[in-house]
Amino acid sequence: MPWDVVAKSLFIVVVGVGVFAPVVTWVERKQSAVMQDRIGANRADLFGIRILGLLHPAADVIKLIFKEDVVPHGANRALHLTAPLIAAVAAIVSFAVIPYGGEYTVGGTTFSLVAADVDWGLLFIFAVGALAAYGTVIAGWASNNNWSLLGSLRATAQMISYEVTMGLSVVGVFMVFQTLRLPEMVHAQDATFRLLGFLEVFGWVDPLPAWSDWIRLPRWGVFLQPLAFVMFLAAIMAENKRPPFDVPEGDSEIVAGYHTEYSGMRFGLFFMAEFIEVVVIAGLMVTLFLGGWSVPWLSSERIVAGITPLFGGGFANLFCMLVHVTTWLVKVSALIWLQMALRWTLPRFRYDQVMDLCWKILLPLSIANIFVTGTILLLIEGTR
């Protein structure tokens, strides 16, 4: 295996699984505490040092490791163990095609910061994400518990339903960028467009005054496909079964859904998978709609061209890489904050409301968005 692939894979595991996922558990507690005017988790300490409660994720892991792993009577032991593994692996593997940087040339060697640069990157995430449904349904059936089975059936119906809307909602995005490769999508967003340019394209004003060229926005998916951004965020949060879409594990209704008969590290794997998926959602949303690693109004070429005369091309590319990775991390953190804000703001939807939102609202809107996007692209093509 090439060393660059090993390094990229380690980055994904260390940053996504080893850093982001545990910190997200802390963020969920602290952000809810701030929103509810509480202190939040702050009791775990090391030699009297609490670090704002950041030791709680480590305490959770230690507790789960030493907690008794109980398998209920009559359960299928093999499948009971396999289910959380499926959920965790599906979440981790999704990171493989998400770019956290662009292409850089140092010492005559060109490399890109994405573990697997494949032509069908977006389809890969959808395919791997669909496998997570097997984890939930197997967990419910293998537990030999009615509440677990009911929760797994809810989860399966919800996940399969929202997969349809999730896929259709981003069709407009790859119609605009003309690719399914996630690195190419980000490169396409590493630019700007004139906010009033459509007036000239359709011949309503010809030519535009010179000052209009200064009114520019980043060529991000959120500005080109704003409706798709809202629909995809709702659909992918429902796919992750996070509040307000947490009817599959509704505590006040079915105990804990398909989690009911899990304890110890088996429950910990389900718990970890959910928070890893929060990071995956943030990374995918950033890639599709927020320009990925790109810096708004400051393209890669401008960064490299500005640094090269002073320190040389190699240093300029390394500096550009550092800026891009930092930008990506900041954007991902912002999307994680948004998911947590929605999680603690909206109450749990009823099951019928979850299904109505999918089939009666998001699905028709996603189809309409495809037709509108196609019509506009044809009109633009016809004016050239």
Protein backbone atom coordinates (compact mmCIF):
# COMPACT_ATOMS: atom_id res chain seq x y z
CA MET A 1 0.00 0.00 0.00
CA PRO A 2 1.48 3.43 -0.95
CA TRP A 3 2.58 5.53 2.00
CA ASP A 4 0.39 8.47 0.96
CA VAL A 5 -2.73 6.27 1.21
CA VAL A 6 -1.62 5.11 4.67
CA ALA A 7 -1.08 8.71 5.78
CA LYS A 8 -4.48 9.82 4.47
CA SER A 9 -6.20 6.87 6.13
CA LEU A 10 -4.48 7.66 9.44
CA PHE A 11 -5.63 11.28 9.16
CA ILE A 12 -9.22 10.10 8.72
CA VAL A 13 -9.04 7.70 11.66
CA VAL A 14 -7.19 10.08 13.99
CA VAL A 15 -9.11 13.27 13.17
CA GLY A 16 -12.54 11.83 12.36
CA VAL A 17 -12.73 8.96 14.85
CA GLY A 18 -10.09 9.78 17.46
CA VAL A 19 -10.65 13.54 17.82
CA PHE A 20 -13.88 14.78 16.28
CA ALA A 21 -16.22 11.97 17.42
CA PRO A 22 -15.27 12.12 21.14
CA VAL A 23 -15.26 15.92 21.14
CA VAL A 24 -18.72 15.93 19.51
CA THR A 25 -20.08 14.03 22.54
CA TRP A 26 -18.70 16.85 24.71
CA VAL A 27 -20.09 19.49 22.34
CA GLU A 28 -23.56 17.95 22.53
CA ARG A 29 -23.55 18.23 26.33
CA LYS A 30 -21.96 21.65 26.56
CA GLN A 31 -23.96 23.25 23.76
CA SER A 32 -27.24 22.04 25.26
CA ALA A 33 -26.10 23.38 28.64
CA VAL A 34 -25.33 26.80 27.18
CA MET A 35 -28.69 26.89 25.37
CA GLN A 36 -30.50 25.90 28.58
CA ASP A 37 -28.47 28.16 30.90
CA ARG A 38 -26.73 25.26 32.67
CA ILE A 39 -23.09 24.42 33.36
CA GLY A 40 -23.07 21.04 31.65
CA ALA A 41 -20.78 18.07 32.18
CA ASN A 42 -17.78 19.13 34.31
CA ARG A 43 -17.31 16.54 37.07
CA ALA A 44 -14.70 14.22 35.53
CA ASP A 45 -11.21 15.35 36.51
CA LEU A 46 -7.57 14.27 36.43
CA PHE A 47 -5.59 15.36 39.50
CA GLY A 48 -8.23 18.02 40.07
CA ILE A 49 -8.00 19.37 36.51
CA ARG A 50 -11.35 19.36 34.69
CA ILE A 51 -10.58 21.20 31.39
CA LEU A 52 -14.17 22.41 30.91
CA GLY A 53 -15.47 18.84 31.05
CA LEU A 54 -13.33 17.59 28.14
CA LEU A 55 -12.36 14.53 30.19
CA HIS A 56 -15.93 13.20 30.11
CA PRO A 57 -15.55 11.47 26.69
CA ALA A 58 -12.52 9.58 28.06
CA ALA A 59 -14.49 8.69 31.20
CA ASP A 60 -17.35 7.40 29.03
CA VAL A 61 -15.01 5.12 27.09
CA ILE A 62 -13.42 3.71 30.27
CA LYS A 63 -16.86 3.08 31.77
CA LEU A 64 -18.11 1.28 28.65
CA ILE A 65 -14.97 -0.88 28.39
CA PHE A 66 -15.39 -2.22 31.94
CA LYS A 67 -19.18 -2.45 31.85
CA GLU A 68 -20.68 -5.93 31.63
CA ASP A 69 -21.58 -6.97 28.10
CA VAL A 70 -25.00 -8.58 28.44
CA VAL A 71 -26.59 -10.69 25.71
CA PRO A 72 -30.31 -11.32 26.37
CA HIS A 73 -31.68 -14.86 26.62
CA GLY A 74 -32.81 -16.16 23.25
CA ALA A 75 -30.83 -13.60 21.27
CA ASN A 76 -28.71 -14.50 18.27
CA ARG A 77 -25.24 -13.91 19.73
CA ALA A 78 -23.39 -13.67 16.42
CA LEU A 79 -25.76 -11.15 14.85
CA HIS A 80 -26.07 -9.28 18.15
CA LEU A 81 -22.33 -8.63 17.94
CA THR A 82 -22.24 -7.97 14.19
CA ALA A 83 -24.93 -5.26 14.12
CA PRO A 84 -22.97 -2.49 15.93
CA LEU A 85 -19.87 -3.35 13.87
CA ILE A 86 -21.83 -2.77 10.65
CA ALA A 87 -23.04 0.60 11.91
CA ALA A 88 -19.56 1.75 12.99
CA VAL A 89 -17.68 0.54 9.89
CA ALA A 90 -20.21 2.11 7.51
CA ALA A 91 -19.75 5.47 9.25
CA ILE A 92 -15.94 5.34 9.20
CA VAL A 93 -15.61 4.16 5.58
CA SER A 94 -17.67 7.11 4.35
CA PHE A 95 -14.73 9.41 5.13
CA ALA A 96 -12.67 7.80 2.37
CA VAL A 97 -14.01 9.94 -0.48
CA ILE A 98 -14.43 13.25 1.36
CA PRO A 99 -11.60 15.64 0.38
CA TYR A 100 -10.09 17.71 3.18
CA GLY A 101 -7.63 19.50 0.91
CA GLY A 102 -6.79 20.06 -2.75
CA GLU A 103 -3.83 19.12 -4.95
CA TYR A 104 -0.35 20.35 -4.06
CA THR A 105 3.10 20.04 -5.63
CA VAL A 106 6.12 19.83 -3.32
CA GLY A 107 9.56 18.76 -4.52
CA GLY A 108 8.25 17.70 -7.90
CA THR A 109 5.64 15.39 -6.33
CA THR A 110 1.93 16.13 -6.72
CA PHE A 111 -0.49 14.75 -4.14
CA SER A 112 -4.10 15.29 -3.17
CA LEU A 113 -5.72 15.19 0.26
CA VAL A 114 -8.42 12.59 -0.28
CA ALA A 115 -8.01 8.92 0.59
CA ALA A 116 -9.94 7.57 -2.43
CA ASP A 117 -10.36 9.86 -5.43
CA VAL A 118 -13.00 7.94 -7.41
CA ASP A 119 -15.31 9.09 -10.19
CA TRP A 120 -18.40 8.03 -8.26
CA GLY A 121 -17.53 9.46 -4.84
CA LEU A 122 -21.00 10.77 -4.04
CA LEU A 123 -22.63 7.48 -5.02
CA PHE A 124 -20.11 5.65 -2.82
CA ILE A 125 -21.27 7.60 0.25
CA PHE A 126 -24.91 6.86 -0.54
CA ALA A 127 -24.15 3.16 -1.04
CA VAL A 128 -22.12 2.82 2.17
CA GLY A 129 -24.66 4.87 4.12
CA ALA A 130 -27.39 2.49 3.00
CA LEU A 131 -25.51 -0.40 4.62
CA ALA A 132 -26.07 1.19 8.02
CA ALA A 133 -29.74 0.19 7.76
CA TYR A 134 -28.64 -3.45 8.03
CA GLY A 135 -27.02 -2.68 11.38
CA THR A 136 -30.25 -1.32 12.84
CA VAL A 137 -32.58 -4.02 11.54
CA ILE A 138 -30.21 -6.83 12.55
CA ALA A 139 -29.83 -5.28 16.02
CA GLY A 140 -33.57 -5.22 16.55
CA TRP A 141 -34.20 -8.75 15.31
CA ALA A 142 -31.19 -10.37 16.98
CA SER A 143 -32.05 -8.88 20.41
CA ASN A 144 -35.20 -11.01 20.79
CA ASN A 145 -37.04 -8.02 22.22
CA ASN A 146 -40.32 -6.57 20.95
CA TRP A 147 -39.30 -2.97 21.66
CA SER A 148 -35.98 -3.47 19.88
CA LEU A 149 -37.70 -4.99 16.86
CA LEU A 150 -40.21 -2.14 16.71
CA GLY A 151 -37.39 0.41 16.87
CA SER A 152 -35.45 -1.36 14.11
CA LEU A 153 -38.54 -1.43 11.89
CA ARG A 154 -39.05 2.29 12.43
CA ALA A 155 -35.40 2.95 11.67
CA THR A 156 -35.42 0.85 8.50
CA ALA A 157 -38.57 2.47 7.13
CA GLN A 158 -37.23 5.94 7.92
CA MET A 159 -33.78 5.35 6.47
CA ILE A 160 -35.04 3.74 3.25
CA SER A 161 -37.60 6.52 2.77
CA TYR A 162 -35.13 9.35 3.25
CA GLU A 163 -32.50 7.72 1.01
CA VAL A 164 -34.78 8.52 -1.94
CA THR A 165 -35.15 12.18 -1.05
CA MET A 166 -31.50 12.50 -0.03
CA GLY A 167 -30.35 11.30 -3.45
CA LEU A 168 -32.81 13.38 -5.46
CA SER A 169 -32.10 16.55 -3.47
CA VAL A 170 -28.49 16.70 -4.68
CA VAL A 171 -29.18 15.86 -8.33
CA GLY A 172 -29.27 19.61 -8.99
CA VAL A 173 -25.82 19.96 -7.44
CA PHE A 174 -24.07 17.57 -9.78
CA MET A 175 -26.11 18.97 -12.69
CA VAL A 176 -24.53 22.35 -11.94
CA PHE A 177 -20.99 21.06 -11.36
CA GLN A 178 -21.21 18.31 -14.05
CA THR A 179 -19.44 15.67 -11.94
CA LEU A 180 -19.89 13.07 -9.20
CA ARG A 181 -16.26 13.36 -8.07
CA LEU A 182 -16.18 15.23 -4.79
CA PRO A 183 -12.68 16.76 -5.34
CA GLU A 184 -13.86 18.15 -8.69
CA MET A 185 -16.93 19.64 -7.01
CA VAL A 186 -14.72 21.45 -4.52
CA HIS A 187 -12.38 22.69 -7.26
CA ALA A 188 -15.42 24.05 -9.10
CA GLN A 189 -16.39 25.96 -5.95
CA ASP A 190 -12.89 27.46 -5.55
CA ALA A 191 -14.01 30.50 -7.55
CA THR A 192 -16.51 33.35 -7.48
CA PHE A 193 -19.41 34.47 -9.67
CA ARG A 194 -21.00 37.84 -10.34
CA LEU A 195 -24.18 38.19 -8.32
CA LEU A 196 -25.84 40.21 -11.10
CA GLY A 197 -24.31 38.19 -13.93
CA PHE A 198 -27.65 36.59 -14.83
CA LEU A 199 -28.86 39.99 -16.08
CA GLU A 200 -26.18 39.92 -18.77
CA VAL A 201 -26.53 36.21 -19.52
CA PHE A 202 -30.22 36.56 -20.39
CA GLY A 203 -29.66 39.85 -22.21
CA TRP A 204 -31.71 41.94 -19.80
CA VAL A 205 -28.79 44.34 -19.30
CA ASP A 206 -25.99 44.36 -21.87
CA PRO A 207 -23.36 45.11 -20.84
CA LEU A 208 -23.35 45.33 -17.05
CA PRO A 209 -21.67 48.40 -15.54
CA ALA A 210 -18.06 47.92 -14.41
CA TRP A 211 -18.88 48.26 -10.70
CA SER A 212 -21.08 45.15 -10.83
CA ASP A 213 -17.97 42.99 -11.23
CA TRP A 214 -17.07 43.78 -7.63
CA ILE A 215 -20.31 42.25 -6.32
CA ARG A 216 -19.26 38.61 -6.20
CA LEU A 217 -20.15 35.56 -4.14
CA PRO A 218 -18.18 32.34 -3.70
CA ARG A 219 -19.29 29.77 -6.26
CA TRP A 220 -20.53 27.51 -3.47
CA GLY A 221 -23.34 25.02 -3.82
CA VAL A 222 -25.38 26.77 -1.14
CA PHE A 223 -25.63 29.88 -3.34
CA LEU A 224 -26.29 27.94 -6.55
CA GLN A 225 -28.67 25.40 -4.96
CA PRO A 226 -30.09 26.92 -1.74
CA LEU A 227 -33.21 24.72 -1.72
CA ALA A 228 -31.08 21.60 -2.15
CA PHE A 229 -29.00 22.65 0.86
CA VAL A 230 -32.04 22.76 3.15
CA MET A 231 -33.57 19.55 1.78
CA PHE A 232 -30.32 17.59 1.91
CA LEU A 233 -29.58 18.69 5.49
CA ALA A 234 -33.05 17.59 6.63
CA ALA A 235 -32.84 14.28 4.76
CA ILE A 236 -29.35 13.34 5.90
CA MET A 237 -30.14 14.19 9.55
CA ALA A 238 -33.18 11.92 9.29
CA GLU A 239 -30.91 9.25 7.78
CA ASN A 240 -28.74 9.51 10.91
CA LYS A 241 -31.79 9.18 13.17
CA ARG A 242 -30.77 12.22 15.18
CA PRO A 243 -33.34 14.45 16.91
CA PRO A 244 -35.82 15.64 15.80
CA PHE A 245 -35.89 12.45 13.69
CA ASP A 246 -35.16 10.04 16.57
CA VAL A 247 -38.43 8.07 16.56
CA PRO A 248 -36.52 4.77 16.04
CA GLU A 249 -35.06 5.15 19.55
CA GLY A 250 -37.75 7.25 21.18
CA ASP A 251 -37.00 6.93 24.90
CA SER A 252 -40.50 7.85 26.07
CA GLU A 253 -42.19 5.43 23.66
CA ILE A 254 -40.13 2.27 23.06
CA VAL A 255 -37.48 2.37 25.83
CA ALA A 256 -34.45 2.90 23.55
CA GLY A 257 -35.49 1.22 20.32
CA TYR A 258 -32.94 -1.13 18.79
CA HIS A 259 -30.43 -0.04 21.50
CA THR A 260 -32.53 -1.54 24.31
CA GLU A 261 -30.66 -4.84 24.75
CA TYR A 262 -27.16 -3.42 24.24
CA SER A 263 -24.62 -2.59 26.91
CA GLY A 264 -20.87 -2.16 27.28
CA MET A 265 -18.80 -1.58 24.17
CA ARG A 266 -21.49 -2.98 21.87
CA PHE A 267 -23.67 -0.05 22.88
CA GLY A 268 -20.54 2.11 22.67
CA LEU A 269 -20.09 1.17 19.00
CA PHE A 270 -23.64 2.29 18.19
CA PHE A 271 -23.04 5.44 20.23
CA MET A 272 -19.74 6.12 18.44
CA ALA A 273 -21.22 5.44 15.00
CA GLU A 274 -23.92 8.05 15.55
CA PHE A 275 -21.40 10.75 16.41
CA ILE A 276 -19.02 9.75 13.61
CA GLU A 277 -21.95 10.16 11.23
CA VAL A 278 -22.47 13.68 12.59
CA VAL A 279 -18.92 14.48 11.44
CA VAL A 280 -19.48 12.72 8.09
CA ILE A 281 -22.65 14.76 7.54
CA ALA A 282 -20.75 17.95 8.30
CA GLY A 283 -17.90 16.95 5.95
CA LEU A 284 -20.27 16.03 3.12
CA MET A 285 -22.36 19.20 3.53
CA VAL A 286 -19.18 21.28 3.47
CA THR A 287 -17.99 19.49 0.33
CA LEU A 288 -21.24 19.84 -1.60
CA PHE A 289 -22.47 23.24 -0.48
CA LEU A 290 -19.80 25.25 1.38
CA GLY A 291 -16.81 25.01 -0.94
CA GLY A 292 -15.01 22.23 0.95
CA TRP A 293 -11.46 23.34 1.74
CA SER A 294 -11.64 26.47 -0.44
CA VAL A 295 -11.23 29.91 1.12
CA PRO A 296 -13.97 32.34 0.04
CA TRP A 297 -12.80 35.04 -2.38
CA LEU A 298 -9.25 33.65 -2.22
CA SER A 299 -8.53 30.89 -4.74
CA SER A 300 -5.68 28.40 -4.49
CA GLU A 301 -3.90 30.05 -7.42
CA ARG A 302 -3.93 33.43 -5.70
CA ILE A 303 -2.54 31.98 -2.45
CA VAL A 304 0.30 30.14 -4.22
CA ALA A 305 1.06 33.07 -6.54
CA GLY A 306 1.27 35.45 -3.59
CA ILE A 307 3.65 33.27 -1.51
CA THR A 308 5.87 31.83 -4.27
CA PRO A 309 7.94 34.99 -5.02
CA LEU A 310 8.85 35.27 -1.32
CA PHE A 311 9.51 31.68 -0.21
CA GLY A 312 9.40 29.49 -3.32
CA GLY A 313 6.81 27.18 -4.82
CA GLY A 314 7.29 24.27 -2.40
CA PHE A 315 6.70 26.39 0.69
CA ALA A 316 3.80 28.16 -1.03
CA ASN A 317 2.07 24.82 -1.67
CA LEU A 318 2.65 23.64 1.91
CA PHE A 319 1.29 26.93 3.26
CA CYS A 320 -1.72 26.65 0.94
CA MET A 321 -2.32 23.09 2.18
CA LEU A 322 -2.24 24.23 5.81
CA VAL A 323 -4.70 27.04 5.06
CA HIS A 324 -7.04 24.68 3.21
CA VAL A 325 -7.05 21.96 5.90
CA THR A 326 -7.65 24.59 8.59
CA THR A 327 -10.51 26.09 6.55
CA TRP A 328 -12.05 22.63 6.13
CA LEU A 329 -11.85 21.95 9.86
CA VAL A 330 -13.47 25.31 10.67
CA LYS A 331 -16.33 24.70 8.24
CA VAL A 332 -16.90 21.16 9.54
CA SER A 333 -16.98 22.50 13.11
CA ALA A 334 -19.57 25.10 12.07
CA LEU A 335 -21.81 22.42 10.52
CA ILE A 336 -21.49 20.27 13.64
CA TRP A 337 -22.61 23.27 15.70
CA LEU A 338 -25.60 23.73 13.36
CA GLN A 339 -26.64 20.08 13.75
CA MET A 340 -26.41 20.37 17.53
CA ALA A 341 -28.43 23.59 17.50
CA LEU A 342 -31.19 21.87 15.50
CA ARG A 343 -30.99 18.83 17.77
CA TRP A 344 -31.63 20.89 20.91
CA THR A 345 -34.11 23.32 19.35
CA LEU A 346 -36.71 21.11 17.67
CA PRO A 347 -38.87 18.57 19.52
CA ARG A 348 -39.15 14.99 18.28
CA PHE A 349 -41.49 14.59 15.31
CA ARG A 350 -44.25 12.01 15.40
CA TYR A 351 -43.69 9.04 13.13
CA ASP A 352 -46.42 10.13 10.72
CA GLN A 353 -44.90 13.62 10.58
CA VAL A 354 -41.49 12.15 9.70
CA MET A 355 -43.01 10.18 6.82
CA ASP A 356 -45.16 13.10 5.62
CA LEU A 357 -42.12 15.39 5.55
CA CYS A 358 -40.28 12.88 3.38
CA TRP A 359 -42.92 11.80 0.87
CA LYS A 360 -45.26 14.81 0.74
CA ILE A 361 -42.85 17.74 1.09
CA LEU A 362 -39.18 16.94 0.46
CA LEU A 363 -39.72 14.48 -2.40
CA PRO A 364 -41.94 16.79 -4.53
CA LEU A 365 -39.61 19.74 -3.82
CA SER A 366 -36.53 17.75 -4.82
CA ILE A 367 -38.14 16.71 -8.12
CA ALA A 368 -39.25 20.30 -8.77
CA ASN A 369 -35.71 21.49 -8.03
CA ILE A 370 -34.34 19.11 -10.67
CA PHE A 371 -36.70 20.45 -13.34
CA VAL A 372 -36.04 24.09 -12.44
CA THR A 373 -32.27 23.53 -12.43
CA GLY A 374 -32.39 21.75 -15.79
CA THR A 375 -34.52 24.51 -17.31
CA ILE A 376 -32.16 27.25 -16.14
CA LEU A 377 -29.09 25.35 -17.40
CA LEU A 378 -30.74 24.89 -20.81
CA LEU A 379 -31.62 28.58 -20.99
CA ILE A 380 -28.05 29.56 -20.10
CA GLU A 381 -26.67 27.12 -22.67
CA GLY A 382 -29.01 28.55 -25.30
CA THR A 383 -27.74 32.10 -24.77
CA ARG A 384 -24.12 31.16 -25.48
